[in-house]
N, C-alpha and C. Protein backbone atom coordinates (compact mmCIF):
# COMPACT_ATOMS: atom_id res chain seq x y z
N SER A 1 72.49 -64.95 92.90
CA SER A 1 73.40 -65.83 92.18
C SER A 1 73.45 -65.42 90.72
N LYS A 2 74.40 -65.98 90.00
CA LYS A 2 74.58 -65.65 88.59
C LYS A 2 73.37 -66.05 87.75
N ASP A 3 72.75 -67.18 88.09
CA ASP A 3 71.58 -67.64 87.35
C ASP A 3 70.43 -66.66 87.46
N LEU A 4 70.19 -66.18 88.69
CA LEU A 4 69.11 -65.22 88.91
C LEU A 4 69.41 -63.91 88.20
N LYS A 5 70.64 -63.46 88.28
CA LYS A 5 71.03 -62.21 87.61
C LYS A 5 70.85 -62.35 86.10
N GLY A 6 71.25 -63.47 85.57
CA GLY A 6 71.10 -63.72 84.12
C GLY A 6 69.64 -63.75 83.71
N ALA A 7 68.80 -64.37 84.55
CA ALA A 7 67.37 -64.42 84.26
C ALA A 7 66.76 -63.03 84.25
N MET A 8 67.17 -62.19 85.21
CA MET A 8 66.66 -60.80 85.26
C MET A 8 67.09 -60.03 84.00
N GLU A 9 68.33 -60.22 83.61
CA GLU A 9 68.81 -59.53 82.41
C GLU A 9 68.02 -59.96 81.18
N THR A 10 67.70 -61.25 81.08
CA THR A 10 66.92 -61.76 79.97
C THR A 10 65.51 -61.17 79.98
N LEU A 11 64.88 -61.14 81.14
CA LEU A 11 63.54 -60.57 81.24
C LEU A 11 63.52 -59.09 80.88
N ILE A 12 64.51 -58.36 81.35
CA ILE A 12 64.57 -56.93 81.04
C ILE A 12 64.79 -56.71 79.56
N GLU A 13 65.63 -57.54 78.95
CA GLU A 13 65.88 -57.41 77.51
C GLU A 13 64.60 -57.73 76.72
N GLN A 14 63.84 -58.73 77.17
CA GLN A 14 62.58 -59.06 76.51
C GLN A 14 61.61 -57.88 76.62
N LYS A 15 61.57 -57.25 77.79
CA LYS A 15 60.71 -56.10 77.99
C LYS A 15 61.15 -54.95 77.09
N ARG A 16 62.46 -54.74 77.01
CA ARG A 16 63.02 -53.68 76.16
C ARG A 16 62.62 -53.91 74.70
N GLN A 17 62.71 -55.15 74.24
CA GLN A 17 62.32 -55.48 72.87
C GLN A 17 60.84 -55.22 72.64
N LYS A 18 60.02 -55.60 73.60
CA LYS A 18 58.58 -55.39 73.48
C LYS A 18 58.26 -53.91 73.40
N LEU A 19 58.92 -53.10 74.24
CA LEU A 19 58.68 -51.65 74.23
C LEU A 19 59.07 -51.01 72.90
N SER A 20 60.07 -51.60 72.24
CA SER A 20 60.52 -51.01 70.98
C SER A 20 59.57 -51.31 69.83
N THR A 21 58.64 -52.24 70.03
CA THR A 21 57.75 -52.61 68.93
C THR A 21 56.29 -52.22 69.14
N VAL A 22 55.94 -51.71 70.32
CA VAL A 22 54.54 -51.38 70.57
C VAL A 22 54.16 -50.07 69.90
N GLU A 23 52.89 -49.96 69.54
CA GLU A 23 52.41 -48.74 68.90
C GLU A 23 52.02 -47.68 69.93
N LYS A 24 51.40 -48.10 71.01
CA LYS A 24 50.96 -47.16 72.04
C LYS A 24 51.72 -47.45 73.33
N LEU A 25 52.68 -46.60 73.67
CA LEU A 25 53.48 -46.82 74.86
C LEU A 25 52.67 -46.74 76.13
N ASP A 26 51.66 -45.85 76.16
CA ASP A 26 50.93 -45.63 77.42
C ASP A 26 50.26 -46.90 77.91
N GLU A 27 49.97 -47.86 77.06
CA GLU A 27 49.35 -49.12 77.47
C GLU A 27 50.38 -50.08 78.10
N HIS A 28 51.66 -49.77 77.96
CA HIS A 28 52.70 -50.66 78.45
C HIS A 28 53.61 -49.98 79.45
N MET A 29 53.19 -48.87 80.04
CA MET A 29 54.03 -48.12 80.94
C MET A 29 53.85 -48.59 82.38
N ASP A 30 54.60 -49.59 82.74
CA ASP A 30 54.62 -50.06 84.12
C ASP A 30 55.96 -49.66 84.74
N PHE A 31 56.22 -50.14 85.95
CA PHE A 31 57.43 -49.73 86.66
C PHE A 31 58.69 -50.17 85.92
N ALA A 32 58.69 -51.40 85.39
CA ALA A 32 59.86 -51.89 84.66
C ALA A 32 60.12 -51.01 83.43
N SER A 33 59.05 -50.59 82.75
CA SER A 33 59.20 -49.72 81.58
C SER A 33 59.82 -48.39 81.98
N GLN A 34 59.36 -47.86 83.09
CA GLN A 34 59.92 -46.58 83.57
C GLN A 34 61.40 -46.72 83.88
N LEU A 35 61.80 -47.85 84.46
CA LEU A 35 63.21 -48.09 84.74
C LEU A 35 64.02 -48.15 83.45
N ILE A 36 63.50 -48.84 82.46
CA ILE A 36 64.21 -48.96 81.18
C ILE A 36 64.37 -47.60 80.53
N PHE A 37 63.33 -46.77 80.56
CA PHE A 37 63.43 -45.44 79.97
C PHE A 37 64.38 -44.55 80.76
N ALA A 38 64.43 -44.74 82.08
CA ALA A 38 65.40 -43.99 82.89
C ALA A 38 66.82 -44.36 82.50
N GLN A 39 67.04 -45.64 82.21
CA GLN A 39 68.36 -46.07 81.75
C GLN A 39 68.67 -45.47 80.39
N ASN A 40 67.68 -45.46 79.49
CA ASN A 40 67.88 -44.88 78.15
C ASN A 40 68.27 -43.41 78.25
N ARG A 41 67.70 -42.69 79.24
CA ARG A 41 68.01 -41.27 79.42
C ARG A 41 69.36 -41.07 80.10
N GLY A 42 69.90 -42.15 80.66
CA GLY A 42 71.17 -42.03 81.38
C GLY A 42 71.00 -41.76 82.85
N ASP A 43 69.77 -41.83 83.36
CA ASP A 43 69.51 -41.60 84.78
C ASP A 43 69.89 -42.82 85.63
N LEU A 44 69.84 -44.00 85.05
CA LEU A 44 70.16 -45.24 85.75
C LEU A 44 71.12 -46.07 84.89
N THR A 45 71.89 -46.90 85.56
CA THR A 45 72.75 -47.85 84.84
C THR A 45 71.97 -49.13 84.62
N ALA A 46 72.50 -50.00 83.75
CA ALA A 46 71.88 -51.31 83.54
C ALA A 46 71.85 -52.08 84.86
N GLU A 47 72.89 -51.96 85.66
CA GLU A 47 72.95 -52.65 86.95
C GLU A 47 71.86 -52.14 87.89
N ASN A 48 71.61 -50.80 87.88
CA ASN A 48 70.53 -50.24 88.69
C ASN A 48 69.18 -50.83 88.31
N VAL A 49 68.93 -50.92 87.01
CA VAL A 49 67.66 -51.47 86.51
C VAL A 49 67.53 -52.93 86.94
N ASN A 50 68.58 -53.71 86.71
CA ASN A 50 68.55 -55.12 87.09
C ASN A 50 68.28 -55.30 88.57
N GLN A 51 68.94 -54.50 89.41
CA GLN A 51 68.77 -54.60 90.86
C GLN A 51 67.34 -54.24 91.27
N CYS A 52 66.78 -53.20 90.68
CA CYS A 52 65.40 -52.79 91.02
C CYS A 52 64.41 -53.88 90.67
N VAL A 53 64.55 -54.46 89.47
CA VAL A 53 63.63 -55.51 89.04
C VAL A 53 63.80 -56.74 89.94
N LEU A 54 65.04 -57.09 90.23
CA LEU A 54 65.30 -58.22 91.11
C LEU A 54 64.65 -58.02 92.48
N GLU A 55 64.80 -56.84 93.04
CA GLU A 55 64.21 -56.54 94.36
C GLU A 55 62.70 -56.62 94.31
N MET A 56 62.09 -56.16 93.20
CA MET A 56 60.63 -56.27 93.07
C MET A 56 60.23 -57.73 93.07
N MET A 57 60.96 -58.57 92.37
CA MET A 57 60.61 -60.00 92.29
C MET A 57 60.78 -60.70 93.64
N ILE A 58 61.86 -60.39 94.32
CA ILE A 58 62.14 -61.05 95.60
C ILE A 58 61.23 -60.54 96.73
N ALA A 59 60.91 -59.26 96.71
CA ALA A 59 60.11 -58.66 97.79
C ALA A 59 58.66 -59.11 97.75
N ALA A 60 58.19 -59.48 96.58
CA ALA A 60 56.76 -59.79 96.43
C ALA A 60 56.24 -60.81 97.44
N PRO A 61 56.91 -61.95 97.67
CA PRO A 61 56.36 -62.91 98.64
C PRO A 61 56.20 -62.32 100.05
N ASP A 62 57.16 -61.51 100.48
CA ASP A 62 57.06 -60.91 101.82
C ASP A 62 55.91 -59.92 101.91
N THR A 63 55.80 -59.02 100.95
CA THR A 63 54.74 -58.03 101.01
C THR A 63 53.38 -58.69 100.81
N LEU A 64 53.32 -59.71 99.97
CA LEU A 64 52.06 -60.42 99.74
C LEU A 64 51.60 -61.10 101.01
N SER A 65 52.51 -61.72 101.74
CA SER A 65 52.12 -62.44 102.96
C SER A 65 51.59 -61.47 104.02
N VAL A 66 52.20 -60.30 104.14
CA VAL A 66 51.72 -59.30 105.11
C VAL A 66 50.35 -58.79 104.69
N THR A 67 50.18 -58.51 103.40
CA THR A 67 48.90 -58.04 102.91
C THR A 67 47.80 -59.05 103.14
N LEU A 68 48.06 -60.32 102.83
CA LEU A 68 47.08 -61.37 103.06
C LEU A 68 46.75 -61.54 104.54
N PHE A 69 47.75 -61.43 105.40
CA PHE A 69 47.53 -61.54 106.84
C PHE A 69 46.54 -60.46 107.30
N PHE A 70 46.76 -59.21 106.91
CA PHE A 70 45.87 -58.14 107.34
C PHE A 70 44.50 -58.26 106.70
N MET A 71 44.45 -58.73 105.45
CA MET A 71 43.17 -58.93 104.79
C MET A 71 42.34 -59.98 105.57
N LEU A 72 42.99 -61.07 105.95
CA LEU A 72 42.27 -62.11 106.69
C LEU A 72 41.80 -61.61 108.06
N ILE A 73 42.61 -60.81 108.73
CA ILE A 73 42.19 -60.23 110.01
C ILE A 73 40.97 -59.35 109.80
N LEU A 74 41.00 -58.51 108.77
CA LEU A 74 39.85 -57.62 108.51
C LEU A 74 38.60 -58.42 108.18
N ILE A 75 38.74 -59.48 107.41
CA ILE A 75 37.59 -60.33 107.08
C ILE A 75 37.03 -60.96 108.37
N ALA A 76 37.92 -61.44 109.22
CA ALA A 76 37.48 -62.07 110.48
C ALA A 76 36.76 -61.06 111.38
N GLU A 77 37.16 -59.80 111.33
CA GLU A 77 36.54 -58.78 112.16
C GLU A 77 35.22 -58.27 111.58
N HIS A 78 34.89 -58.63 110.35
CA HIS A 78 33.68 -58.16 109.69
C HIS A 78 32.92 -59.36 109.09
N PRO A 79 32.16 -60.06 109.93
CA PRO A 79 31.49 -61.29 109.48
C PRO A 79 30.53 -61.07 108.33
N THR A 80 29.91 -59.91 108.22
CA THR A 80 28.97 -59.69 107.11
C THR A 80 29.73 -59.64 105.79
N VAL A 81 30.92 -59.10 105.80
CA VAL A 81 31.76 -59.08 104.59
C VAL A 81 32.17 -60.51 104.24
N GLU A 82 32.50 -61.30 105.26
CA GLU A 82 32.87 -62.70 105.02
C GLU A 82 31.70 -63.45 104.38
N GLU A 83 30.49 -63.21 104.88
CA GLU A 83 29.30 -63.87 104.33
C GLU A 83 29.09 -63.47 102.87
N GLU A 84 29.27 -62.18 102.57
CA GLU A 84 29.11 -61.71 101.20
C GLU A 84 30.16 -62.35 100.28
N MET A 85 31.37 -62.46 100.78
CA MET A 85 32.43 -63.09 99.99
C MET A 85 32.09 -64.55 99.71
N MET A 86 31.59 -65.26 100.71
CA MET A 86 31.25 -66.66 100.54
C MET A 86 30.12 -66.82 99.53
N ARG A 87 29.12 -65.91 99.58
CA ARG A 87 28.03 -65.96 98.59
C ARG A 87 28.59 -65.73 97.19
N GLU A 88 29.50 -64.80 97.05
CA GLU A 88 30.09 -64.52 95.75
C GLU A 88 30.87 -65.73 95.22
N ILE A 89 31.62 -66.37 96.10
CA ILE A 89 32.37 -67.58 95.71
C ILE A 89 31.41 -68.66 95.26
N GLU A 90 30.32 -68.86 96.02
CA GLU A 90 29.34 -69.88 95.66
C GLU A 90 28.66 -69.54 94.35
N THR A 91 28.39 -68.25 94.11
CA THR A 91 27.76 -67.84 92.85
C THR A 91 28.67 -68.17 91.66
N VAL A 92 29.93 -67.86 91.81
CA VAL A 92 30.89 -68.07 90.71
C VAL A 92 31.25 -69.54 90.55
N MET A 93 31.52 -70.21 91.67
CA MET A 93 32.01 -71.60 91.62
C MET A 93 30.90 -72.64 91.57
N GLY A 94 29.70 -72.28 91.99
CA GLY A 94 28.63 -73.25 92.03
C GLY A 94 28.93 -74.33 93.04
N LYS A 95 28.74 -75.56 92.64
CA LYS A 95 28.95 -76.71 93.54
C LYS A 95 30.36 -77.27 93.44
N GLN A 96 31.21 -76.65 92.64
CA GLN A 96 32.60 -77.15 92.50
C GLN A 96 33.35 -77.04 93.81
N ASP A 97 34.25 -77.98 94.02
CA ASP A 97 35.13 -77.92 95.18
C ASP A 97 36.19 -76.87 94.93
N LEU A 98 36.51 -76.10 95.97
CA LEU A 98 37.63 -75.15 95.87
C LEU A 98 38.92 -75.92 95.99
N GLN A 99 39.90 -75.54 95.20
CA GLN A 99 41.21 -76.19 95.24
C GLN A 99 42.24 -75.19 95.69
N THR A 100 43.21 -75.67 96.46
CA THR A 100 44.29 -74.77 96.91
C THR A 100 45.53 -75.01 96.09
């Protein structure tokens, strides 16, 4: 929708502004930064950059759910790992209740 497209354009512009003011670029070189520099070189259009960032934002829930599913299967198949994870949680959280 137009709202989502506008939000992406705003986020990309904010990133572009941040990149123009940083002293060390290597500390800020993520995928969005690479897209912006590709646009600056003329390799991509502004629409290409917007679409790539939008797809990254939208795809995240799907890829995250698949990753979590397989992680939970692996934990279930390795009870000693599950026990170690629970000990670590108890060490960090103490007696606090876990919240979802």
